[in-house]
Amino acid sequence: MAGDERERLDRPLPEAVRQRLVDLGARRLGALPPEEVPAPLRRIARFEPRRRARLAATQIAAHLERDKAFREQVAEEVREAEPELAEAVEAEVVPPAAEPVAVAAAAYLLRPPGWVGLVEAACAQVEKMTSAADEKAASRTVAQLRDQVAAAKAAGREEIERLRDELRRARGEAADLRRKLHEARERARRSEHRAEELRVAAEEQRAVADAAVSSAEAELRRLRGRLADAEAQTEALRRSAREARTVDDARLRVLLDSLLDAAQGLRRELALPSTISRPADMVPAIEPDRPGPRSVPGRALADDDPELLDHLLALPQVHLLVDGYNVTKTGYPNLTLEDQRARLLTGLGGLAAQTRAEITCVFDGAELGAPVSVPAPRGVRVLFSEPEETADELIRRLVAAEPPGRAVVVVSSDREVAEGVRRAGARPTPAALLLRRLGRS
């Protein structure tokens, strides 16, 4: 039986009891039909119970206080969840082992006769338990604070001792620093004195050096004058030698023409057959389709006689040997190796058609990683050196294979190649000469 609704509590409920009432109300809201939910609480009725209790705790507590219908609905939650406690509270018999918070909440909701006394008695027990718990927590806190104070005192004593030790060390270091500062000042004074001495000596040396430079400049001007005179004399000697060589070349040309006519007459008289193969064909080498190594270009050497190659190519039965990569690296090094070979062979094909000379172009094949296909122009023989052999060595073997007396011209700017073929009886010419001749073509 419900008690008098006019009974009122003289003081607010403890927070634990209030929170339990809010939790019960939040749980019950989710089970009520929408029309039985108080209008202010309908917005939160669709939330999860814990969220309802967190967001609308004040509204739920207020409706439990003044809305009898809502409070009775929540009381049903107590009857369903804790039926024994609800029966004992309604019978005004509180179980000894019951939790005071649960008893106070149940009495507040069920409101049997004398419910205010039950609530106040339960709240007094809750406050007593809370006070005891607070006292225990305070005792623990005091004990912890005492331990912290003792530890702080011990740490303070240790810190004081440490600071005293650091102070003693700092005083010792300060004394050392004062001593070192005094020594550094003494060294600085000595260094300044030495620097002044060196400055005076440097000025004296500078004066001597200036005099030496003036003398050297005068000597240099004198030597430049002598060098200019020597260059003028050298140029005059070169002109004289060129004129003399031109006369000798003309005489040699007359002699060679006579020998050529005599040789042609003997061939017709003896009815000699035409040559099937030439000595260069007998020298072992790698054909363009066989594998071989890559080349190392030679050095370009300047030449002041652009007509020399024309005179040499006019010799009867002349054999022109070309150090391929040496020429291409001199004339057009920016192209790829394939484009260099194609450009040189095209020029040599035109030269062979013009002069009808025997032309052999040798490329270094010591580092070729795969066979190469090189279309040789008409009248031009293309050879690659064998593995473990350079193009220079192949050129020397080609020169050595020629018969004594035959005119052999080797185009290469490599000094070693030039000296080697010269000793073998061939005539070396620089790559620049051939490049000029091909440029005219």
Protein backbone atom coordinates (compact mmCIF):
# COMPACT_ATOMS: atom_id res chain seq x y z
CA MET A 1 0.00 0.00 0.00
CA ALA A 2 1.35 3.41 -0.93
CA GLY A 3 2.06 5.91 1.79
CA ASP A 4 0.95 9.51 2.05
CA GLU A 5 2.06 11.42 -1.03
CA ARG A 6 2.32 14.56 1.06
CA GLU A 7 5.29 13.19 2.92
CA ARG A 8 8.49 14.95 1.87
CA LEU A 9 12.20 14.45 2.52
CA ASP A 10 13.88 17.13 4.60
CA ARG A 11 17.18 16.96 2.71
CA PRO A 12 18.46 16.00 -0.72
CA LEU A 13 19.22 12.39 -1.48
CA PRO A 14 22.85 11.25 -1.39
CA GLU A 15 24.51 11.20 -4.80
CA ALA A 16 24.74 7.39 -4.82
CA VAL A 17 20.98 7.03 -4.24
CA ARG A 18 20.19 9.72 -6.78
CA GLN A 19 22.40 8.04 -9.39
CA ARG A 20 20.69 4.68 -8.79
CA LEU A 21 17.26 6.29 -9.27
CA VAL A 22 18.45 7.90 -12.52
CA ASP A 23 19.79 4.55 -13.78
CA LEU A 24 16.49 2.81 -12.97
CA GLY A 25 14.52 5.56 -14.71
CA ALA A 26 16.79 5.44 -17.77
CA ARG A 27 16.34 1.66 -18.08
CA ARG A 28 12.56 1.93 -17.72
CA LEU A 29 12.24 4.60 -20.40
CA GLY A 30 13.24 2.14 -23.09
CA ALA A 31 10.47 -0.31 -22.10
CA LEU A 32 7.60 2.22 -21.94
CA PRO A 33 5.19 2.74 -24.83
CA PRO A 34 5.79 6.12 -26.53
CA GLU A 35 2.51 7.57 -25.25
CA GLU A 36 3.42 6.78 -21.60
CA VAL A 37 6.83 8.46 -21.81
CA PRO A 38 6.81 11.98 -20.34
CA ALA A 39 6.92 14.54 -23.12
CA PRO A 40 10.25 16.14 -22.05
CA LEU A 41 11.89 12.68 -21.99
CA ARG A 42 10.65 11.42 -25.37
CA ARG A 43 13.65 12.91 -27.19
CA ILE A 44 16.09 10.75 -25.22
CA ALA A 45 13.90 7.64 -24.99
CA ARG A 46 15.45 6.23 -28.19
CA PHE A 47 18.99 6.50 -26.77
CA GLU A 48 20.92 3.67 -25.12
CA PRO A 49 20.25 3.52 -21.29
CA ARG A 50 23.71 4.70 -20.22
CA ARG A 51 23.51 7.60 -22.64
CA ARG A 52 20.07 8.54 -21.30
CA ALA A 53 21.42 8.55 -17.75
CA ARG A 54 24.39 10.70 -18.81
CA LEU A 55 22.53 13.25 -20.92
CA ALA A 56 19.22 13.61 -19.01
CA ALA A 57 20.02 12.79 -15.38
CA THR A 58 18.49 16.01 -14.06
CA GLN A 59 15.28 15.66 -16.08
CA ILE A 60 14.81 12.00 -15.04
CA ALA A 61 15.35 12.86 -11.35
CA ALA A 62 12.91 15.78 -11.57
CA HIS A 63 10.17 13.65 -13.19
CA LEU A 64 10.64 10.91 -10.58
CA GLU A 65 10.00 13.54 -7.91
CA ARG A 66 6.87 15.15 -9.37
CA ASP A 67 5.44 12.67 -11.91
CA LYS A 68 3.65 9.95 -9.94
CA ALA A 69 2.77 7.87 -13.04
CA PHE A 70 6.37 7.84 -14.25
CA ARG A 71 7.61 7.03 -10.72
CA GLU A 72 5.21 4.07 -10.48
CA GLN A 73 6.45 2.81 -13.86
CA VAL A 74 10.01 2.94 -12.55
CA ALA A 75 8.86 1.23 -9.34
CA GLU A 76 7.72 -1.67 -11.53
CA GLU A 77 11.35 -1.89 -12.72
CA VAL A 78 12.36 -2.47 -9.06
CA ARG A 79 9.65 -5.10 -8.59
CA GLU A 80 10.79 -6.93 -11.71
CA ALA A 81 14.51 -6.68 -11.02
CA GLU A 82 14.50 -7.16 -7.22
CA PRO A 83 11.16 -8.63 -6.19
CA GLU A 84 12.30 -9.76 -2.70
CA LEU A 85 13.66 -6.31 -1.86
CA ALA A 86 10.45 -4.68 -3.14
CA GLU A 87 8.27 -6.98 -1.00
CA ALA A 88 10.40 -6.35 2.11
CA VAL A 89 10.27 -2.55 1.62
CA GLU A 90 6.50 -2.56 1.08
CA ALA A 91 6.18 -4.67 4.25
CA GLU A 92 8.36 -2.11 6.04
CA VAL A 93 10.88 -4.84 6.85
CA VAL A 94 14.37 -4.04 5.60
CA PRO A 95 16.60 -7.11 5.07
CA PRO A 96 19.74 -6.81 7.24
CA ALA A 97 22.05 -7.73 4.33
CA ALA A 98 20.38 -5.38 1.83
CA GLU A 99 22.47 -2.63 0.31
CA PRO A 100 21.44 0.76 1.80
CA VAL A 101 21.51 2.47 -1.61
CA ALA A 102 19.13 -0.13 -3.09
CA VAL A 103 16.82 0.12 -0.01
CA ALA A 104 16.68 3.93 -0.23
CA ALA A 105 15.94 3.87 -3.98
CA ALA A 106 13.27 1.17 -3.58
CA ALA A 107 11.57 3.02 -0.68
CA TYR A 108 11.68 6.29 -2.67
CA LEU A 109 9.99 4.70 -5.65
CA LEU A 110 7.52 2.34 -3.93
CA ARG A 111 6.66 4.84 -1.18
CA PRO A 112 5.02 2.50 1.37
CA PRO A 113 3.72 4.00 4.62
CA GLY A 114 6.65 5.53 6.48
CA TRP A 115 8.80 5.56 3.34
CA VAL A 116 10.46 8.81 4.38
CA GLY A 117 11.83 7.12 7.49
CA LEU A 118 13.08 4.19 5.47
CA VAL A 119 14.77 6.50 2.99
CA GLU A 120 16.35 8.64 5.70
CA ALA A 121 17.55 5.57 7.63
CA ALA A 122 19.04 4.09 4.45
CA CYS A 123 20.58 7.43 3.52
CA ALA A 124 22.11 7.71 7.00
CA GLN A 125 23.71 4.30 6.49
CA VAL A 126 24.94 5.35 3.06
CA GLU A 127 26.44 8.53 4.47
CA LYS A 128 27.99 6.56 7.32
CA MET A 129 29.52 4.12 4.87
CA THR A 130 30.64 6.97 2.68
CA SER A 131 32.15 8.75 5.67
CA ALA A 132 33.98 5.60 6.76
CA ALA A 133 35.26 5.10 3.23
CA ASP A 134 36.30 8.75 3.12
CA GLU A 135 38.11 8.37 6.45
CA LYS A 136 39.94 5.31 5.19
CA ALA A 137 40.84 7.11 1.99
CA ALA A 138 41.95 10.13 4.01
CA SER A 139 44.06 7.90 6.26
CA ARG A 140 45.64 6.30 3.22
CA THR A 141 46.20 9.74 1.71
CA VAL A 142 47.80 11.01 4.94
CA ALA A 143 50.05 7.97 5.09
CA GLN A 144 51.02 8.46 1.47
CA LEU A 145 51.68 12.15 2.08
CA ARG A 146 53.84 11.31 5.10
CA ASP A 147 55.81 8.85 3.02
CA GLN A 148 56.16 11.44 0.27
CA VAL A 149 57.33 14.06 2.79
CA ALA A 150 59.90 11.65 4.21
CA ALA A 151 61.07 10.76 0.72
CA ALA A 152 61.21 14.44 -0.19
CA LYS A 153 63.29 15.20 2.90
CA ALA A 154 65.67 12.37 2.07
CA ALA A 155 65.87 13.52 -1.54
CA GLY A 156 66.42 17.08 -0.34
CA ARG A 157 69.31 16.00 1.85
CA GLU A 158 70.82 14.04 -1.02
CA GLU A 159 70.32 17.01 -3.37
CA ILE A 160 71.97 19.35 -0.84
CA GLU A 161 74.96 17.00 -0.59
CA ARG A 162 75.13 16.74 -4.36
CA LEU A 163 74.98 20.51 -4.76
CA ARG A 164 77.73 20.92 -2.16
CA ASP A 165 79.90 18.47 -4.09
CA GLU A 166 79.16 20.31 -7.33
CA LEU A 167 79.99 23.60 -5.64
CA ARG A 168 83.36 22.24 -4.51
CA ARG A 169 84.06 20.93 -8.02
CA ALA A 170 82.95 24.22 -9.55
CA ARG A 171 85.30 26.15 -7.27
CA GLY A 172 88.15 23.85 -8.27
CA GLU A 173 87.29 24.26 -11.97
CA ALA A 174 87.10 28.04 -11.53
CA ALA A 175 90.59 28.04 -10.03
CA ASP A 176 91.87 25.94 -12.98
CA LEU A 177 90.15 28.24 -15.45
CA ARG A 178 91.72 31.32 -13.83
CA ARG A 179 95.13 29.69 -14.09
CA LYS A 180 94.55 28.68 -17.73
CA LEU A 181 93.28 32.19 -18.51
CA HIS A 182 96.47 33.67 -17.14
CA GLU A 183 98.55 31.25 -19.22
CA ALA A 184 96.46 32.01 -22.33
CA ARG A 185 96.98 35.74 -21.87
CA GLU A 186 100.74 35.18 -21.62
CA ARG A 187 100.69 33.10 -24.80
CA ALA A 188 98.57 35.74 -26.56
CA ARG A 189 101.10 38.45 -25.67
CA ARG A 190 103.94 36.30 -26.98
CA SER A 191 101.95 35.51 -30.14
CA GLU A 192 101.29 39.20 -30.77
CA HIS A 193 104.98 39.93 -30.41
CA ARG A 194 105.83 37.09 -32.81
CA ALA A 195 103.15 38.24 -35.27
CA GLU A 196 104.67 41.72 -35.33
CA GLU A 197 108.09 40.22 -36.08
CA LEU A 198 106.59 38.11 -38.88
CA ARG A 199 104.78 41.13 -40.33
CA VAL A 200 108.04 43.07 -40.55
CA ALA A 201 109.76 40.07 -42.14
CA ALA A 202 106.87 39.62 -44.59
CA GLU A 203 107.11 43.23 -45.70
CA GLU A 204 110.82 42.78 -46.32
CA GLN A 205 110.15 39.58 -48.30
CA ARG A 206 107.41 41.33 -50.28
CA ALA A 207 109.83 44.05 -51.28
CA VAL A 208 112.35 41.42 -52.40
CA ALA A 209 109.61 39.54 -54.29
CA ASP A 210 108.43 42.70 -56.04
CA ALA A 211 111.96 43.34 -57.23
CA ALA A 212 112.27 39.71 -58.43
CA VAL A 213 108.93 39.96 -60.27
CA SER A 214 110.02 43.12 -62.03
CA SER A 215 113.23 41.44 -63.11
CA ALA A 216 111.36 38.32 -64.25
CA GLU A 217 108.90 40.39 -66.29
CA ALA A 218 111.75 42.15 -68.04
CA GLU A 219 113.40 38.78 -68.78
CA LEU A 220 110.05 37.41 -70.02
CA ARG A 221 109.63 40.31 -72.43
CA ARG A 222 113.15 39.70 -73.75
CA LEU A 223 112.44 35.96 -74.20
CA ARG A 224 109.15 36.68 -75.97
CA GLY A 225 111.00 38.87 -78.43
CA ARG A 226 113.51 36.08 -79.08
CA LEU A 227 110.65 33.57 -79.44
CA ALA A 228 108.95 35.78 -82.03
CA ASP A 229 112.19 35.97 -84.00
CA ALA A 230 112.60 32.18 -83.78
CA GLU A 231 109.02 31.61 -84.98
CA ALA A 232 109.61 33.92 -87.94
CA GLN A 233 112.77 32.01 -88.84
CA THR A 234 110.94 28.67 -88.44
CA GLU A 235 108.15 29.80 -90.76
CA ALA A 236 110.69 30.88 -93.35
CA LEU A 237 112.40 27.47 -93.09
CA ARG A 238 109.06 25.72 -93.50
CA ARG A 239 108.27 27.68 -96.65
CA SER A 240 111.69 26.81 -98.07
CA ALA A 241 111.28 23.13 -97.17
CA ARG A 242 107.77 23.06 -98.72
CA GLU A 243 109.06 24.55 -101.96
CA ALA A 244 111.95 22.07 -102.06
CA ARG A 245 109.58 19.17 -101.32
CA THR A 246 107.26 20.26 -104.11
CA VAL A 247 110.18 20.04 -106.59
CA ASP A 248 111.15 16.60 -105.25
CA ASP A 249 107.56 15.40 -105.48
CA ALA A 250 107.35 16.53 -109.10
CA ARG A 251 110.57 14.67 -109.95
CA LEU A 252 109.30 11.55 -108.09
CA ARG A 253 105.99 11.72 -109.95
CA VAL A 254 107.82 11.75 -113.32
CA LEU A 255 109.88 8.74 -112.20
CA LEU A 256 106.83 6.83 -110.96
CA ASP A 257 104.91 7.52 -114.17
CA SER A 258 107.82 6.09 -116.14
CA LEU A 259 107.91 2.99 -113.93
CA LEU A 260 104.14 2.57 -114.23
CA ASP A 261 104.26 2.75 -118.02
CA ALA A 262 107.11 0.21 -118.06
CA ALA A 263 105.20 -2.13 -115.75
CA GLN A 264 102.07 -1.94 -117.89
CA GLY A 265 104.14 -2.73 -121.01
CA LEU A 266 105.71 -5.76 -119.29
CA ARG A 267 102.29 -7.01 -118.18
CA ARG A 268 100.96 -6.82 -121.74
CA GLU A 269 104.10 -8.45 -123.15
CA LEU A 270 104.13 -11.28 -120.60
CA ALA A 271 100.34 -11.67 -120.68
CA LEU A 272 100.19 -11.84 -116.87
CA PRO A 273 96.78 -12.78 -115.45
CA SER A 274 94.88 -10.31 -113.27
CA THR A 275 95.31 -10.73 -109.54
CA ILE A 276 92.58 -12.89 -107.97
CA SER A 277 93.38 -12.05 -104.31
CA ARG A 278 95.48 -9.44 -102.63
CA PRO A 279 97.90 -9.83 -99.72
CA ALA A 280 95.50 -8.03 -97.33
CA ASP A 281 92.91 -10.74 -98.01
CA MET A 282 95.32 -13.33 -96.56
CA VAL A 283 95.66 -11.60 -93.18
CA PRO A 284 93.38 -13.29 -90.57
CA ALA A 285 90.86 -10.87 -89.07
CA ILE A 286 87.20 -10.76 -88.01
CA GLU A 287 84.72 -10.01 -90.76
CA PRO A 288 81.99 -7.41 -89.97
CA ASP A 289 79.44 -10.13 -89.09
CA ARG A 290 81.69 -11.80 -86.48
CA PRO A 291 81.89 -10.72 -82.82
CA GLY A 292 84.75 -8.61 -81.53
CA PRO A 293 85.69 -5.85 -79.03
CA ARG A 294 85.11 -2.10 -78.87
CA SER A 295 87.59 0.52 -79.97
CA VAL A 296 89.85 3.04 -78.31
CA PRO A 297 90.20 6.22 -80.42
CA GLY A 298 93.56 7.71 -81.15
CA ARG A 299 94.67 11.36 -80.89
CA ALA A 300 94.25 13.92 -83.67
CA LEU A 301 97.52 15.59 -84.80
CA ALA A 302 97.57 18.87 -86.72
CA ASP A 303 98.93 18.84 -90.30
CA ASP A 304 99.82 21.84 -92.47
CA ASP A 305 99.94 20.13 -95.89
CA PRO A 306 96.38 19.46 -97.15
CA GLU A 307 97.54 18.36 -100.62
CA LEU A 308 99.73 15.48 -99.32
CA LEU A 309 96.99 12.84 -99.41
CA ASP A 310 96.07 13.67 -103.02
CA HIS A 311 99.69 13.15 -104.09
CA LEU A 312 99.87 9.82 -102.22
CA LEU A 313 96.58 8.51 -103.64
CA ALA A 314 97.86 9.28 -107.15
CA LEU A 315 100.67 6.68 -106.77
CA PRO A 316 100.20 3.50 -108.87
CA GLN A 317 98.75 0.51 -107.00
CA VAL A 318 98.66 2.50 -103.73
CA HIS A 319 97.06 0.73 -100.72
CA LEU A 320 95.29 3.09 -98.28
CA LEU A 321 94.94 1.67 -94.74
CA VAL A 322 92.54 3.66 -92.49
CA ASP A 323 92.53 3.44 -88.67
CA GLY A 324 88.71 3.70 -88.55
CA TYR A 325 87.89 4.77 -85.01
CA ASN A 326 90.95 7.04 -84.87
CA VAL A 327 89.55 9.00 -87.81
CA THR A 328 85.92 9.04 -86.63
CA LYS A 329 86.83 10.07 -83.08
CA THR A 330 88.84 12.93 -84.55
CA GLY A 331 86.18 14.11 -87.03
CA TYR A 332 82.78 13.42 -85.40
CA PRO A 333 83.15 12.00 -81.90
CA ASN A 334 79.63 13.01 -80.81
CA LEU A 335 77.96 10.37 -83.01
CA THR A 336 77.33 6.79 -81.94
CA LEU A 337 79.86 4.17 -83.05
CA GLU A 338 77.41 2.81 -85.63
CA ASP A 339 76.83 6.28 -87.12
CA GLN A 340 80.60 6.97 -87.08
CA ARG A 341 81.30 3.78 -89.06
CA ALA A 342 78.52 4.49 -91.56
CA ARG A 343 79.67 8.08 -92.18
CA LEU A 344 83.35 7.12 -92.64
CA LEU A 345 82.61 4.18 -94.95
CA THR A 346 80.32 6.32 -97.10
CA GLY A 347 83.13 8.84 -97.57
CA LEU A 348 85.69 6.11 -98.29
CA GLY A 349 83.36 4.60 -100.92
CA GLY A 350 83.30 7.90 -102.77
CA LEU A 351 87.09 8.23 -102.43
CA ALA A 352 87.58 4.70 -103.86
CA ALA A 353 85.38 5.54 -106.85
CA GLN A 354 87.35 8.72 -107.53
CA THR A 355 90.92 7.37 -107.10
CA ARG A 356 90.42 3.61 -107.77
CA ALA A 357 92.94 3.00 -104.98
CA GLU A 358 92.80 -0.13 -102.80
CA ILE A 359 91.25 0.97 -99.48
CA THR A 360 91.11 -1.09 -96.28
CA CYS A 361 89.31 0.31 -93.21
CA VAL A 362 90.29 -1.33 -89.89
CA PHE A 363 88.15 -1.08 -86.74
CA ASP A 364 89.14 -2.12 -83.24
CA GLY A 365 87.06 -5.16 -82.29
CA ALA A 366 88.70 -6.22 -79.01
CA GLU A 367 85.62 -5.43 -76.88
CA LEU A 368 82.64 -6.05 -79.17
CA GLY A 369 79.94 -7.85 -77.22
CA ALA A 370 78.04 -9.17 -80.27
CA PRO A 371 78.49 -9.51 -84.06
CA VAL A 372 77.98 -6.34 -86.06
CA SER A 373 76.70 -5.96 -89.59
CA VAL A 374 78.58 -3.31 -91.59
CA PRO A 375 77.69 -2.87 -95.29
CA ALA A 376 81.02 -2.22 -97.03
CA PRO A 377 80.90 0.20 -100.01
CA ARG A 378 82.22 -0.87 -103.39
CA GLY A 379 86.02 -0.80 -103.46
CA VAL A 380 86.41 -0.65 -99.63
CA ARG A 381 87.54 -3.61 -97.50
CA VAL A 382 86.23 -3.53 -93.88
CA LEU A 383 88.06 -5.51 -91.17
CA PHE A 384 87.73 -5.87 -87.38
CA SER A 385 90.64 -6.95 -85.22
CA GLU A 386 90.49 -10.38 -83.58
CA PRO A 387 89.95 -10.90 -79.83
CA GLU A 388 92.99 -10.04 -77.71
CA GLU A 389 94.23 -7.88 -80.63
CA THR A 390 93.96 -4.15 -81.27
CA ALA A 391 93.37 -2.38 -84.55
CA ASP A 392 96.93 -0.99 -84.33
CA GLU A 393 98.37 -4.51 -84.34
CA LEU A 394 96.15 -5.53 -87.28
CA ILE A 395 97.34 -2.47 -89.25
CA ARG A 396 100.99 -3.43 -88.61
CA ARG A 397 100.28 -6.98 -89.88
CA LEU A 398 98.61 -5.60 -93.00
CA VAL A 399 101.64 -3.38 -93.70
CA ALA A 400 104.02 -6.27 -93.15
CA ALA A 401 102.03 -8.44 -95.60
CA GLU A 402 102.61 -6.02 -98.50
CA PRO A 403 105.54 -6.68 -100.85
CA PRO A 404 108.60 -4.42 -100.56
CA GLY A 405 108.33 -1.40 -102.80
CA ARG A 406 104.54 -1.12 -102.92
CA ALA A 407 103.13 2.26 -101.89
CA VAL A 408 101.22 1.85 -98.58
CA VAL A 409 99.61 4.86 -96.87
CA VAL A 410 98.35 4.55 -93.26
CA VAL A 411 95.87 7.15 -91.98
CA SER A 412 96.16 7.44 -88.18
CA SER A 413 96.95 10.18 -85.69
CA ASP A 414 98.31 7.66 -83.18
CA ARG A 415 102.05 8.35 -82.70
CA GLU A 416 102.91 4.72 -81.98
CA VAL A 417 101.08 3.51 -85.10
CA ALA A 418 102.72 6.19 -87.22
CA GLU A 419 106.24 5.34 -86.01
CA GLY A 420 105.62 1.59 -86.37
CA VAL A 421 104.38 1.70 -89.96
CA ARG A 422 107.08 4.22 -90.89
CA ARG A 423 109.73 1.71 -89.78
CA ALA A 424 107.93 -0.96 -91.87
CA GLY A 425 108.19 1.18 -95.01
CA ALA A 426 104.67 2.65 -95.13
CA ARG A 427 103.80 6.34 -95.23
CA PRO A 428 101.80 7.59 -92.18
CA THR A 429 99.42 10.52 -92.54
CA PRO A 430 97.28 12.18 -89.85
CA ALA A 431 93.53 11.67 -89.65
CA ALA A 432 92.88 15.37 -90.21
CA LEU A 433 94.22 15.04 -93.77
CA LEU A 434 91.71 12.34 -94.70
CA LEU A 435 88.86 14.27 -93.04
CA ARG A 436 89.70 17.35 -95.13
CA ARG A 437 89.83 15.23 -98.30
CA LEU A 438 86.47 13.61 -97.55
CA GLY A 439 85.05 17.07 -96.78
CA ARG A 440 85.97 18.26 -100.25
CA SER A 441 84.26 15.24 -101.80
